[in-house]
Amino acid sequence: MAAGEEQSREYLRRHRLPELLHRLGALLLFHRPERPREFLIQVLERVKAGRRAEGEYPFLMDEANVEAMFSLLDVLGQGSIRAAQYREALKTLGLSTEDLELKDDVEITLHEFKEGMGGSTAGDEIGSEFK
């Protein structure tokens, strides 16, 4: 690999730019704004303001969306989903599963699902890109 290409890869990795772009893309697809460029500018401004404690980070999903997603995964209505389903839900939303320590036989309840989604919302993850 050429030195310039290696430096470029290191730059992308260090600043976590692929993750940032993936999360911004997820926000665009979720909200589908009429003016996407202005929407992205507003999201990034809210992230900056949130980091300065002047506002809240932009969230991808509210509680009703999280409940709806859980019910789609819990097709039998058992009140829980498998750890693999939970991981896939996070990945689908562009959220990190790197630090997630779940054994495959663990069942995730709606309460745990909400906590997990709340603890790793898109806004929090996007905000971490600017640290």
Foldseek 3Di string as FASTA:
>chain_A
DDPVVVVVVVVCVVLVVVLLVLLLVLLCVQVVDPDSVVVSVVQVVQLVCVVVVNHNHDFSDDLVRLVVLVCVQPVVPPQWHFPVSLVVVCVVNSWDCVPPDDDRRDIAGSVNSVVVCVVTTSRVVNSVSVD
